[in-house]
């Protein structure tokens, strides 16, 4: 069962993992926006 290890984690650990995932997604979104801005500047 692939989720067995995660089932044993405490709520605090799971919250930390969720926060890390969310921060990773925010960072990826930010980098994507930065890239789009850079491409627009080149066009101008």
C-alpha atoms as a PDB file:
ATOM      1  CA  UNK A   1       0.000   0.000   0.000  1.00  0.00           C
ATOM      2  CA  UNK A   2       1.696   3.138  -1.189  1.00  0.00           C
ATOM      3  CA  UNK A   3       0.152   5.523   1.370  1.00  0.00           C
ATOM      4  CA  UNK A   4       1.040   3.423   4.424  1.00  0.00           C
ATOM      5  CA  UNK A   5       4.034   5.550   5.421  1.00  0.00           C
ATOM      6  CA  UNK A   6       2.063   8.767   5.067  1.00  0.00           C
ATOM      7  CA  UNK A   7      -0.749   7.392   7.228  1.00  0.00           C
ATOM      8  CA  UNK A   8       1.736   7.140  10.102  1.00  0.00           C
ATOM      9  CA  UNK A   9       2.773  10.794   9.922  1.00  0.00           C
ATOM     10  CA  UNK A  10       1.476  13.192  12.522  1.00  0.00           C
ATOM     11  CA  UNK A  11      -0.906  15.976  11.589  1.00  0.00           C
ATOM     12  CA  UNK A  12       1.931  18.448  12.134  1.00  0.00           C
ATOM     13  CA  UNK A  13       4.164  16.606   9.658  1.00  0.00           C
ATOM     14  CA  UNK A  14       1.351  16.470   7.105  1.00  0.00           C
ATOM     15  CA  UNK A  15       0.739  20.202   7.539  1.00  0.00           C
ATOM     16  CA  UNK A  16       4.438  20.834   6.935  1.00  0.00           C
ATOM     17  CA  UNK A  17       4.352  18.722   3.778  1.00  0.00           C
ATOM     18  CA  UNK A  18       1.239  20.542   2.534  1.00  0.00           C
ATOM     19  CA  UNK A  19       2.892  23.910   3.230  1.00  0.00           C
ATOM     20  CA  UNK A  20       6.038  22.846   1.367  1.00  0.00           C
ATOM     21  CA  UNK A  21       3.951  21.682  -1.605  1.00  0.00           C
ATOM     22  CA  UNK A  22       2.049  24.967  -1.610  1.00  0.00           C
ATOM     23  CA  UNK A  23       5.243  27.024  -1.411  1.00  0.00           C
ATOM     24  CA  UNK A  24       6.716  24.992  -4.246  1.00  0.00           C
ATOM     25  CA  UNK A  25       3.645  25.687  -6.375  1.00  0.00           C
ATOM     26  CA  UNK A  26       3.729  29.416  -5.559  1.00  0.00           C
ATOM     27  CA  UNK A  27       7.419  29.532  -6.494  1.00  0.00           C
ATOM     28  CA  UNK A  28       6.737  27.708  -9.782  1.00  0.00           C
ATOM     29  CA  UNK A  29       3.895  30.140 -10.585  1.00  0.00           C
ATOM     30  CA  UNK A  30       6.116  33.114  -9.751  1.00  0.00           C
ATOM     31  CA  UNK A  31       8.914  31.824 -11.998  1.00  0.00           C
ATOM     32  CA  UNK A  32       6.397  31.322 -14.806  1.00  0.00           C
ATOM     33  CA  UNK A  33       5.139  34.901 -14.449  1.00  0.00           C
ATOM     34  CA  UNK A  34       8.724  36.222 -14.369  1.00  0.00           C
ATOM     35  CA  UNK A  35       9.476  34.326 -17.577  1.00  0.00           C
ATOM     36  CA  UNK A  36       6.373  35.759 -19.279  1.00  0.00           C
ATOM     37  CA  UNK A  37       7.322  39.298 -18.210  1.00  0.00           C
ATOM     38  CA  UNK A  38      10.827  38.799 -19.572  1.00  0.00           C
ATOM     39  CA  UNK A  39       9.426  37.582 -22.911  1.00  0.00           C
ATOM     40  CA  UNK A  40       7.123  40.614 -23.099  1.00  0.00           C
ATOM     41  CA  UNK A  41      10.041  42.981 -22.427  1.00  0.00           C
ATOM     42  CA  UNK A  42      11.963  41.405 -25.300  1.00  0.00           C
ATOM     43  CA  UNK A  43       8.997  42.020 -27.631  1.00  0.00           C
ATOM     44  CA  UNK A  44       8.853  45.675 -26.591  1.00  0.00           C
END
